[in-house]
Amino acid sequence: MARIILVSGAAGTGKTSITEALTKKSTNKFAARIQYDDFNDYILKGFISPWLEGARNQNETVYEAIVASAQRFSVGGYEVYIDGVITPNYLAPWKKAANEGYDVRYIVLRPDLQTTIKRVTEREQNINYPLEHEFVKNVWNYFSDMGQYESHIIDTSTHNIDESLSYIQNKLNDNAFRLI
């Protein structure tokens, strides 16, 4: 089974750019990237924005579907990169996969709040996921106290994409960011 690498953080932290680059530069023969937002887009009836009250069951279902997809790719020999807002309270299915023998890594990109808001402001907006400053601040705060996962955080405030990519690749090669 190939590694499964979760790359998380608030909007504007570089998850999509990093996971795309990591996937393309993987030293594994096969690599795949799974984006959390794509799975939300599959829900055509009854969708609740993931950050709204009442979305917990939907979010858990989506995470379980992503875990199942990642596991299947991993068994097929694909190193898998997951791009999504994965807070510690949604790690249970990933921990279960790790306990079943999957090599699951958890990385949280966390530039400072001002840098995060600046990056969000500079990028193209997705109308399905509003990125007002207050919303970005609220999601950023989900990652402000990571408890036992503090060592999984990478402060990318002063990094460009190449610097972040190099740092992550080196840490992964050193066997860092294991979920359990």
N, C-alpha and C. Protein backbone atom coordinates (compact mmCIF):
# COMPACT_ATOMS: atom_id res chain seq x y z
N MET A 1 0.85 -1.18 0.00
CA MET A 1 0.00 0.00 0.00
C MET A 1 0.89 1.24 0.00
N ALA A 2 0.47 2.22 -0.76
CA ALA A 2 1.21 3.48 -0.84
C ALA A 2 0.70 4.44 0.23
N ARG A 3 1.48 5.48 0.49
CA ARG A 3 1.12 6.47 1.51
C ARG A 3 -0.13 7.24 1.13
N ILE A 4 -0.83 7.69 2.18
CA ILE A 4 -1.96 8.61 2.04
C ILE A 4 -1.56 9.85 2.83
N ILE A 5 -1.52 10.99 2.15
CA ILE A 5 -1.03 12.22 2.77
C ILE A 5 -2.13 13.26 2.75
N LEU A 6 -2.59 13.62 3.95
CA LEU A 6 -3.63 14.64 4.10
C LEU A 6 -2.95 15.99 4.19
N VAL A 7 -3.36 16.92 3.34
CA VAL A 7 -2.85 18.28 3.40
C VAL A 7 -4.03 19.18 3.71
N SER A 8 -3.99 19.76 4.90
CA SER A 8 -5.12 20.52 5.41
C SER A 8 -4.72 21.94 5.76
N GLY A 9 -5.73 22.73 6.12
CA GLY A 9 -5.54 24.12 6.50
C GLY A 9 -6.73 24.92 6.02
N ALA A 10 -6.77 26.16 6.40
CA ALA A 10 -7.86 27.05 5.98
C ALA A 10 -7.72 27.39 4.49
N ALA A 11 -8.73 28.02 3.94
CA ALA A 11 -8.65 28.53 2.58
C ALA A 11 -7.50 29.53 2.51
N GLY A 12 -6.77 29.51 1.41
CA GLY A 12 -5.68 30.46 1.23
C GLY A 12 -4.35 30.02 1.80
N THR A 13 -4.28 28.81 2.33
CA THR A 13 -3.02 28.35 2.92
C THR A 13 -2.13 27.63 1.92
N GLY A 14 -2.66 27.30 0.75
CA GLY A 14 -1.86 26.67 -0.29
C GLY A 14 -2.10 25.19 -0.49
N LYS A 15 -3.19 24.66 0.09
CA LYS A 15 -3.45 23.21 0.01
C LYS A 15 -3.50 22.71 -1.44
N THR A 16 -4.24 23.37 -2.27
CA THR A 16 -4.43 22.90 -3.65
C THR A 16 -3.12 22.98 -4.42
N SER A 17 -2.41 24.08 -4.31
CA SER A 17 -1.12 24.22 -5.02
C SER A 17 -0.12 23.18 -4.53
N ILE A 18 -0.06 22.99 -3.22
CA ILE A 18 0.89 22.03 -2.65
C ILE A 18 0.53 20.60 -3.03
N THR A 19 -0.75 20.22 -2.90
CA THR A 19 -1.10 18.83 -3.22
C THR A 19 -0.90 18.53 -4.70
N GLU A 20 -1.19 19.50 -5.55
CA GLU A 20 -0.96 19.28 -6.99
C GLU A 20 0.53 19.08 -7.26
N ALA A 21 1.36 19.93 -6.69
CA ALA A 21 2.81 19.81 -6.90
C ALA A 21 3.36 18.51 -6.30
N LEU A 22 2.93 18.18 -5.08
CA LEU A 22 3.40 16.94 -4.45
C LEU A 22 3.00 15.72 -5.27
N THR A 23 1.78 15.73 -5.78
CA THR A 23 1.30 14.60 -6.58
C THR A 23 2.14 14.45 -7.84
N LYS A 24 2.36 15.54 -8.54
CA LYS A 24 3.13 15.49 -9.79
C LYS A 24 4.59 15.12 -9.55
N LYS A 25 5.14 15.50 -8.40
CA LYS A 25 6.56 15.24 -8.11
C LYS A 25 6.77 14.00 -7.25
N SER A 26 5.72 13.25 -7.00
CA SER A 26 5.84 12.05 -6.19
C SER A 26 6.89 11.12 -6.78
N THR A 27 7.69 10.52 -5.90
CA THR A 27 8.68 9.55 -6.36
C THR A 27 8.04 8.17 -6.56
N ASN A 28 6.80 8.03 -6.12
CA ASN A 28 6.07 6.78 -6.33
C ASN A 28 5.73 6.66 -7.82
N LYS A 29 5.63 5.45 -8.33
CA LYS A 29 5.32 5.25 -9.74
C LYS A 29 3.95 5.82 -10.11
N PHE A 30 3.00 5.74 -9.18
CA PHE A 30 1.65 6.25 -9.40
C PHE A 30 1.29 7.21 -8.27
N ALA A 31 0.55 8.26 -8.58
CA ALA A 31 0.11 9.20 -7.55
C ALA A 31 -1.23 9.81 -7.98
N ALA A 32 -2.07 10.06 -7.00
CA ALA A 32 -3.39 10.65 -7.25
C ALA A 32 -3.67 11.74 -6.22
N ARG A 33 -4.46 12.71 -6.63
CA ARG A 33 -4.88 13.78 -5.73
C ARG A 33 -6.40 13.74 -5.63
N ILE A 34 -6.88 13.81 -4.41
CA ILE A 34 -8.32 13.85 -4.14
C ILE A 34 -8.63 15.17 -3.47
N GLN A 35 -9.59 15.89 -4.02
CA GLN A 35 -10.00 17.17 -3.44
C GLN A 35 -11.33 17.01 -2.71
N TYR A 36 -11.32 17.40 -1.45
CA TYR A 36 -12.52 17.33 -0.63
C TYR A 36 -13.69 18.04 -1.29
N ASP A 37 -13.46 19.22 -1.84
CA ASP A 37 -14.55 20.00 -2.43
C ASP A 37 -15.24 19.25 -3.58
N ASP A 38 -14.50 18.43 -4.31
CA ASP A 38 -15.11 17.66 -5.40
C ASP A 38 -16.19 16.73 -4.86
N PHE A 39 -15.93 16.12 -3.72
CA PHE A 39 -16.91 15.20 -3.14
C PHE A 39 -18.17 15.94 -2.71
N ASN A 40 -18.01 17.16 -2.20
CA ASN A 40 -19.20 17.96 -1.87
C ASN A 40 -20.01 18.25 -3.12
N ASP A 41 -19.34 18.47 -4.24
CA ASP A 41 -20.03 18.78 -5.49
C ASP A 41 -20.84 17.61 -6.01
N TYR A 42 -20.56 16.39 -5.54
CA TYR A 42 -21.33 15.22 -5.97
C TYR A 42 -22.73 15.21 -5.38
N ILE A 43 -22.93 15.94 -4.30
CA ILE A 43 -24.24 15.96 -3.65
C ILE A 43 -25.13 16.96 -4.39
N LEU A 44 -26.10 16.45 -5.10
CA LEU A 44 -26.96 17.30 -5.92
C LEU A 44 -28.30 17.60 -5.27
N LYS A 45 -28.62 16.88 -4.22
CA LYS A 45 -29.89 17.10 -3.54
C LYS A 45 -29.65 17.03 -2.03
N GLY A 46 -30.07 18.05 -1.33
CA GLY A 46 -29.93 18.06 0.12
C GLY A 46 -28.59 18.57 0.62
N PHE A 47 -27.79 19.18 -0.26
CA PHE A 47 -26.47 19.67 0.14
C PHE A 47 -26.59 20.79 1.18
N ILE A 48 -25.73 20.71 2.19
CA ILE A 48 -25.61 21.75 3.22
C ILE A 48 -24.17 22.24 3.18
N SER A 49 -23.96 23.53 3.10
CA SER A 49 -22.59 24.05 3.12
C SER A 49 -21.88 23.46 4.34
N PRO A 50 -20.67 22.92 4.16
CA PRO A 50 -20.00 22.15 5.21
C PRO A 50 -19.78 22.90 6.53
N TRP A 51 -19.75 24.19 6.50
CA TRP A 51 -19.49 24.98 7.70
C TRP A 51 -20.76 25.36 8.44
N LEU A 52 -21.92 25.01 7.89
CA LEU A 52 -23.18 25.38 8.53
C LEU A 52 -23.63 24.33 9.55
N GLU A 53 -24.38 24.81 10.51
CA GLU A 53 -24.96 23.90 11.50
C GLU A 53 -25.84 22.90 10.75
N GLY A 54 -25.79 21.67 11.16
CA GLY A 54 -26.58 20.63 10.51
C GLY A 54 -25.82 19.87 9.44
N ALA A 55 -24.57 20.26 9.17
CA ALA A 55 -23.79 19.60 8.12
C ALA A 55 -22.92 18.46 8.64
N ARG A 56 -22.93 18.22 9.94
CA ARG A 56 -22.01 17.22 10.51
C ARG A 56 -22.18 15.83 9.87
N ASN A 57 -23.41 15.34 9.76
CA ASN A 57 -23.62 14.01 9.17
C ASN A 57 -23.13 13.99 7.72
N GLN A 58 -23.45 15.03 6.97
CA GLN A 58 -22.98 15.12 5.59
C GLN A 58 -21.45 15.12 5.55
N ASN A 59 -20.83 15.93 6.42
CA ASN A 59 -19.37 16.01 6.43
C ASN A 59 -18.74 14.65 6.76
N GLU A 60 -19.31 13.95 7.74
CA GLU A 60 -18.79 12.64 8.10
C GLU A 60 -18.94 11.66 6.94
N THR A 61 -20.08 11.71 6.24
CA THR A 61 -20.30 10.84 5.09
C THR A 61 -19.30 11.14 3.99
N VAL A 62 -19.08 12.42 3.72
CA VAL A 62 -18.12 12.81 2.68
C VAL A 62 -16.72 12.35 3.07
N TYR A 63 -16.32 12.57 4.33
CA TYR A 63 -14.98 12.12 4.75
C TYR A 63 -14.85 10.61 4.61
N GLU A 64 -15.86 9.87 4.98
CA GLU A 64 -15.79 8.41 4.86
C GLU A 64 -15.68 7.98 3.40
N ALA A 65 -16.36 8.69 2.51
CA ALA A 65 -16.25 8.39 1.07
C ALA A 65 -14.84 8.69 0.56
N ILE A 66 -14.27 9.78 1.04
CA ILE A 66 -12.90 10.13 0.64
C ILE A 66 -11.92 9.10 1.17
N VAL A 67 -12.09 8.69 2.43
CA VAL A 67 -11.21 7.67 3.01
C VAL A 67 -11.28 6.39 2.19
N ALA A 68 -12.48 5.96 1.85
CA ALA A 68 -12.65 4.74 1.06
C ALA A 68 -11.95 4.87 -0.30
N SER A 69 -12.09 6.01 -0.94
CA SER A 69 -11.41 6.24 -2.23
C SER A 69 -9.90 6.22 -2.06
N ALA A 70 -9.43 6.91 -1.03
CA ALA A 70 -7.99 6.96 -0.79
C ALA A 70 -7.42 5.56 -0.52
N GLN A 71 -8.15 4.79 0.28
CA GLN A 71 -7.69 3.43 0.58
C GLN A 71 -7.60 2.60 -0.69
N ARG A 72 -8.59 2.71 -1.55
CA ARG A 72 -8.59 1.91 -2.78
C ARG A 72 -7.41 2.30 -3.68
N PHE A 73 -7.18 3.61 -3.82
CA PHE A 73 -6.02 4.06 -4.60
C PHE A 73 -4.73 3.53 -3.98
N SER A 74 -4.62 3.61 -2.65
CA SER A 74 -3.42 3.16 -1.95
C SER A 74 -3.17 1.67 -2.19
N VAL A 75 -4.19 0.87 -2.07
CA VAL A 75 -4.06 -0.57 -2.33
C VAL A 75 -3.64 -0.83 -3.77
N GLY A 76 -4.09 0.05 -4.67
CA GLY A 76 -3.71 -0.07 -6.08
C GLY A 76 -2.31 0.44 -6.38
N GLY A 77 -1.59 0.91 -5.35
CA GLY A 77 -0.22 1.36 -5.53
C GLY A 77 -0.07 2.85 -5.74
N TYR A 78 -1.14 3.59 -5.62
CA TYR A 78 -1.09 5.03 -5.82
C TYR A 78 -0.80 5.74 -4.50
N GLU A 79 0.23 6.60 -4.51
CA GLU A 79 0.41 7.50 -3.38
C GLU A 79 -0.70 8.54 -3.52
N VAL A 80 -1.41 8.80 -2.42
CA VAL A 80 -2.60 9.64 -2.49
C VAL A 80 -2.40 10.91 -1.67
N TYR A 81 -2.73 12.03 -2.29
CA TYR A 81 -2.69 13.32 -1.62
C TYR A 81 -4.12 13.83 -1.51
N ILE A 82 -4.52 14.14 -0.29
CA ILE A 82 -5.86 14.65 -0.02
C ILE A 82 -5.77 16.14 0.23
N ASP A 83 -6.57 16.91 -0.47
CA ASP A 83 -6.62 18.37 -0.38
C ASP A 83 -7.95 18.73 0.27
N GLY A 84 -7.93 19.19 1.53
CA GLY A 84 -9.18 19.56 2.17
C GLY A 84 -9.00 20.16 3.55
N VAL A 85 -10.06 20.76 4.02
CA VAL A 85 -10.08 21.32 5.38
C VAL A 85 -10.43 20.16 6.32
N ILE A 86 -9.40 19.58 6.90
CA ILE A 86 -9.57 18.41 7.77
C ILE A 86 -9.08 18.80 9.16
N THR A 87 -10.02 19.12 10.02
CA THR A 87 -9.69 19.50 11.39
C THR A 87 -9.54 18.23 12.23
N PRO A 88 -8.88 18.33 13.38
CA PRO A 88 -8.69 17.14 14.21
C PRO A 88 -9.98 16.40 14.56
N ASN A 89 -11.10 17.10 14.66
CA ASN A 89 -12.35 16.42 15.01
C ASN A 89 -12.91 15.58 13.86
N TYR A 90 -12.28 15.63 12.68
CA TYR A 90 -12.69 14.78 11.55
C TYR A 90 -11.60 13.76 11.19
N LEU A 91 -10.71 13.48 12.11
CA LEU A 91 -9.63 12.53 11.83
C LEU A 91 -9.98 11.08 12.15
N ALA A 92 -11.09 10.83 12.79
CA ALA A 92 -11.42 9.46 13.22
C ALA A 92 -11.34 8.44 12.08
N PRO A 93 -11.94 8.68 10.89
CA PRO A 93 -11.83 7.65 9.86
C PRO A 93 -10.41 7.48 9.33
N TRP A 94 -9.61 8.54 9.40
CA TRP A 94 -8.22 8.45 8.98
C TRP A 94 -7.41 7.67 10.00
N LYS A 95 -7.69 7.87 11.28
CA LYS A 95 -7.02 7.11 12.33
C LYS A 95 -7.36 5.63 12.20
N LYS A 96 -8.61 5.35 11.90
CA LYS A 96 -9.04 3.96 11.71
C LYS A 96 -8.24 3.33 10.56
N ALA A 97 -8.10 4.07 9.45
CA ALA A 97 -7.32 3.56 8.32
C ALA A 97 -5.87 3.31 8.74
N ALA A 98 -5.31 4.23 9.51
CA ALA A 98 -3.93 4.05 9.99
C ALA A 98 -3.81 2.82 10.88
N ASN A 99 -4.80 2.61 11.74
CA ASN A 99 -4.81 1.42 12.61
C ASN A 99 -4.97 0.13 11.82
N GLU A 100 -5.52 0.23 10.61
CA GLU A 100 -5.68 -0.94 9.73
C GLU A 100 -4.44 -1.18 8.88
N GLY A 101 -3.39 -0.38 9.08
CA GLY A 101 -2.14 -0.61 8.38
C GLY A 101 -1.81 0.37 7.27
N TYR A 102 -2.68 1.32 7.00
CA TYR A 102 -2.39 2.32 5.98
C TYR A 102 -1.41 3.34 6.55
N ASP A 103 -0.49 3.79 5.72
CA ASP A 103 0.48 4.81 6.12
C ASP A 103 -0.16 6.17 5.86
N VAL A 104 -0.78 6.73 6.88
CA VAL A 104 -1.50 8.00 6.75
C VAL A 104 -0.68 9.10 7.40
N ARG A 105 -0.47 10.18 6.65
CA ARG A 105 0.25 11.35 7.15
C ARG A 105 -0.73 12.52 7.20
N TYR A 106 -0.52 13.41 8.14
CA TYR A 106 -1.41 14.56 8.34
C TYR A 106 -0.56 15.83 8.42
N ILE A 107 -0.76 16.72 7.45
CA ILE A 107 -0.02 17.97 7.37
C ILE A 107 -1.02 19.12 7.42
N VAL A 108 -0.73 20.12 8.24
CA VAL A 108 -1.57 21.30 8.32
C VAL A 108 -0.74 22.51 7.92
N LEU A 109 -1.16 23.16 6.83
CA LEU A 109 -0.52 24.39 6.40
C LEU A 109 -1.15 25.54 7.18
N ARG A 110 -0.32 26.29 7.89
CA ARG A 110 -0.89 27.37 8.70
C ARG A 110 0.00 28.61 8.68
N PRO A 111 -0.10 29.38 7.58
CA PRO A 111 0.55 30.68 7.62
C PRO A 111 -0.20 31.57 8.62
N ASP A 112 0.40 32.69 9.00
CA ASP A 112 -0.31 33.56 9.93
C ASP A 112 -1.60 34.07 9.28
N LEU A 113 -2.50 34.56 10.11
CA LEU A 113 -3.83 34.97 9.64
C LEU A 113 -3.74 36.06 8.58
N GLN A 114 -2.90 37.06 8.78
CA GLN A 114 -2.80 38.15 7.79
C GLN A 114 -2.34 37.64 6.43
N THR A 115 -1.38 36.73 6.42
CA THR A 115 -0.89 36.16 5.17
C THR A 115 -2.00 35.33 4.51
N THR A 116 -2.73 34.57 5.32
CA THR A 116 -3.82 33.75 4.79
C THR A 116 -4.87 34.63 4.12
N ILE A 117 -5.30 35.68 4.79
CA ILE A 117 -6.32 36.59 4.22
C ILE A 117 -5.78 37.25 2.96
N LYS A 118 -4.53 37.66 2.96
CA LYS A 118 -3.94 38.28 1.77
C LYS A 118 -3.97 37.31 0.59
N ARG A 119 -3.60 36.06 0.84
CA ARG A 119 -3.59 35.06 -0.24
C ARG A 119 -5.00 34.80 -0.77
N VAL A 120 -5.98 34.75 0.13
CA VAL A 120 -7.36 34.53 -0.30
C VAL A 120 -7.83 35.70 -1.15
N THR A 121 -7.49 36.90 -0.75
CA THR A 121 -7.91 38.10 -1.47
C THR A 121 -7.32 38.13 -2.88
N GLU A 122 -6.11 37.62 -3.03
CA GLU A 122 -5.41 37.67 -4.32
C GLU A 122 -5.83 36.58 -5.30
N ARG A 123 -6.52 35.56 -4.82
CA ARG A 123 -6.83 34.45 -5.72
C ARG A 123 -8.23 34.58 -6.32
N GLU A 124 -8.46 33.81 -7.36
CA GLU A 124 -9.78 33.78 -8.00
C GLU A 124 -10.78 33.15 -7.04
N GLN A 125 -11.95 33.74 -6.95
CA GLN A 125 -12.96 33.27 -6.01
C GLN A 125 -13.86 32.22 -6.64
N ASN A 126 -14.25 31.24 -5.84
CA ASN A 126 -15.21 30.21 -6.23
C ASN A 126 -16.56 30.60 -5.64
N ILE A 127 -17.56 30.79 -6.48
CA ILE A 127 -18.86 31.29 -6.00
C ILE A 127 -19.55 30.30 -5.06
N ASN A 128 -19.18 29.02 -5.12
CA ASN A 128 -19.79 28.03 -4.24
C ASN A 128 -19.23 28.05 -2.82
N TYR A 129 -18.06 28.65 -2.66
CA TYR A 129 -17.42 28.69 -1.36
C TYR A 129 -16.98 30.13 -1.08
N PRO A 130 -17.85 30.90 -0.46
CA PRO A 130 -17.54 32.32 -0.22
C PRO A 130 -16.35 32.48 0.71
N LEU A 131 -15.51 33.44 0.39
CA LEU A 131 -14.30 33.62 1.16
C LEU A 131 -14.17 35.04 1.70
N GLU A 132 -15.20 35.49 2.41
CA GLU A 132 -15.09 36.78 3.07
C GLU A 132 -14.08 36.65 4.20
N HIS A 133 -13.48 37.76 4.57
CA HIS A 133 -12.42 37.75 5.58
C HIS A 133 -12.88 37.11 6.89
N GLU A 134 -14.09 37.39 7.32
CA GLU A 134 -14.57 36.84 8.59
C GLU A 134 -14.69 35.31 8.51
N PHE A 135 -15.15 34.82 7.38
CA PHE A 135 -15.25 33.38 7.17
C PHE A 135 -13.86 32.74 7.21
N VAL A 136 -12.91 33.32 6.49
CA VAL A 136 -11.54 32.80 6.45
C VAL A 136 -10.95 32.80 7.86
N LYS A 137 -11.18 33.87 8.60
CA LYS A 137 -10.68 33.96 9.98
C LYS A 137 -11.27 32.84 10.84
N ASN A 138 -12.56 32.59 10.70
CA ASN A 138 -13.21 31.54 11.49
C ASN A 138 -12.62 30.16 11.17
N VAL A 139 -12.41 29.87 9.90
CA VAL A 139 -11.83 28.58 9.52
C VAL A 139 -10.37 28.51 9.96
N TRP A 140 -9.64 29.59 9.81
CA TRP A 140 -8.24 29.63 10.27
C TRP A 140 -8.18 29.31 11.76
N ASN A 141 -9.13 29.82 12.52
CA ASN A 141 -9.16 29.58 13.97
C ASN A 141 -9.36 28.11 14.32
N TYR A 142 -9.98 27.32 13.42
CA TYR A 142 -10.12 25.88 13.67
C TYR A 142 -8.74 25.23 13.85
N PHE A 143 -7.72 25.84 13.27
CA PHE A 143 -6.38 25.27 13.29
C PHE A 143 -5.45 26.02 14.25
N SER A 144 -6.00 26.90 15.07
CA SER A 144 -5.15 27.72 15.94
C SER A 144 -4.64 26.94 17.16
N ASP A 145 -5.38 25.96 17.63
CA ASP A 145 -4.95 25.14 18.76
C ASP A 145 -5.06 23.68 18.34
N MET A 146 -3.95 23.10 17.94
CA MET A 146 -3.97 21.75 17.37
C MET A 146 -3.64 20.66 18.38
N GLY A 147 -3.39 21.06 19.64
CA GLY A 147 -3.14 20.05 20.67
C GLY A 147 -2.06 19.07 20.26
N GLN A 148 -2.39 17.78 20.28
CA GLN A 148 -1.41 16.73 19.97
C GLN A 148 -0.90 16.77 18.54
N TYR A 149 -1.56 17.56 17.67
CA TYR A 149 -1.15 17.63 16.27
C TYR A 149 -0.33 18.89 15.96
N GLU A 150 0.13 19.58 17.00
CA GLU A 150 0.92 20.80 16.81
C GLU A 150 2.16 20.52 15.95
N SER A 151 2.74 19.33 16.07
CA SER A 151 3.94 18.99 15.29
C SER A 151 3.64 18.74 13.81
N HIS A 152 2.37 18.73 13.45
CA HIS A 152 1.96 18.50 12.06
C HIS A 152 1.79 19.82 11.31
N ILE A 153 1.99 20.93 12.01
CA ILE A 153 1.76 22.26 11.42
C ILE A 153 3.02 22.75 10.73
N ILE A 154 2.81 23.36 9.58
CA ILE A 154 3.88 24.03 8.85
C ILE A 154 3.46 25.49 8.68
N ASP A 155 4.26 26.39 9.22
CA ASP A 155 4.00 27.81 9.05
C ASP A 155 4.60 28.24 7.72
N THR A 156 3.74 28.50 6.75
CA THR A 156 4.19 28.86 5.40
C THR A 156 4.11 30.36 5.16
N SER A 157 4.06 31.15 6.23
CA SER A 157 3.92 32.60 6.09
C SER A 157 4.98 33.22 5.20
N THR A 158 6.20 32.74 5.33
CA THR A 158 7.30 33.33 4.56
C THR A 158 7.78 32.43 3.43
N HIS A 159 7.09 31.31 3.20
CA HIS A 159 7.50 30.37 2.15
C HIS A 159 6.80 30.69 0.83
N ASN A 160 7.51 30.50 -0.26
CA ASN A 160 6.82 30.42 -1.54
C ASN A 160 6.50 28.95 -1.76
N ILE A 161 5.82 28.63 -2.85
CA ILE A 161 5.38 27.24 -3.06
C ILE A 161 6.56 26.28 -3.13
N ASP A 162 7.64 26.68 -3.78
CA ASP A 162 8.79 25.79 -3.91
C ASP A 162 9.45 25.50 -2.56
N GLU A 163 9.52 26.51 -1.72
CA GLU A 163 10.09 26.32 -0.38
C GLU A 163 9.21 25.40 0.46
N SER A 164 7.90 25.61 0.39
CA SER A 164 6.98 24.73 1.12
C SER A 164 7.07 23.31 0.61
N LEU A 165 7.09 23.17 -0.69
CA LEU A 165 7.17 21.84 -1.31
C LEU A 165 8.44 21.11 -0.89
N SER A 166 9.56 21.78 -0.95
CA SER A 166 10.84 21.18 -0.57
C SER A 166 10.82 20.77 0.91
N TYR A 167 10.33 21.64 1.75
CA TYR A 167 10.27 21.34 3.19
C TYR A 167 9.40 20.11 3.44
N ILE A 168 8.22 20.06 2.83
CA ILE A 168 7.30 18.94 3.03
C ILE A 168 7.91 17.65 2.51
N GLN A 169 8.50 17.68 1.32
CA GLN A 169 9.11 16.48 0.76
C GLN A 169 10.22 15.95 1.67
N ASN A 170 11.05 16.84 2.18
CA ASN A 170 12.13 16.42 3.09
C ASN A 170 11.57 15.79 4.36
N LYS A 171 10.55 16.42 4.94
CA LYS A 171 9.95 15.89 6.17
C LYS A 171 9.29 14.53 5.90
N LEU A 172 8.59 14.40 4.77
CA LEU A 172 7.97 13.11 4.43
C LEU A 172 9.04 12.04 4.26
N ASN A 173 10.16 12.39 3.64
CA ASN A 173 11.26 11.44 3.47
C ASN A 173 11.86 11.04 4.81
N ASP A 174 11.74 11.92 5.81
CA ASP A 174 12.22 11.62 7.16
C ASP A 174 11.15 10.92 8.00
N ASN A 175 10.07 10.49 7.34
CA ASN A 175 9.00 9.73 8.00
C ASN A 175 8.15 10.57 8.96
N ALA A 176 8.09 11.87 8.71
CA ALA A 176 7.33 12.78 9.59
C ALA A 176 5.83 12.78 9.25
N PHE A 177 5.08 13.40 10.12
CA PHE A 177 3.65 13.67 9.96
C PHE A 177 2.76 12.41 10.05
N ARG A 178 3.27 11.31 10.58
CA ARG A 178 2.43 10.11 10.72
C ARG A 178 1.25 10.43 11.62
N LEU A 179 0.10 9.95 11.21
CA LEU A 179 -1.10 10.23 11.99
C LEU A 179 -1.08 9.50 13.33
N ILE A 180 -0.63 8.26 13.33
CA ILE A 180 -0.50 7.53 14.60
C ILE A 180 0.87 6.89 14.67
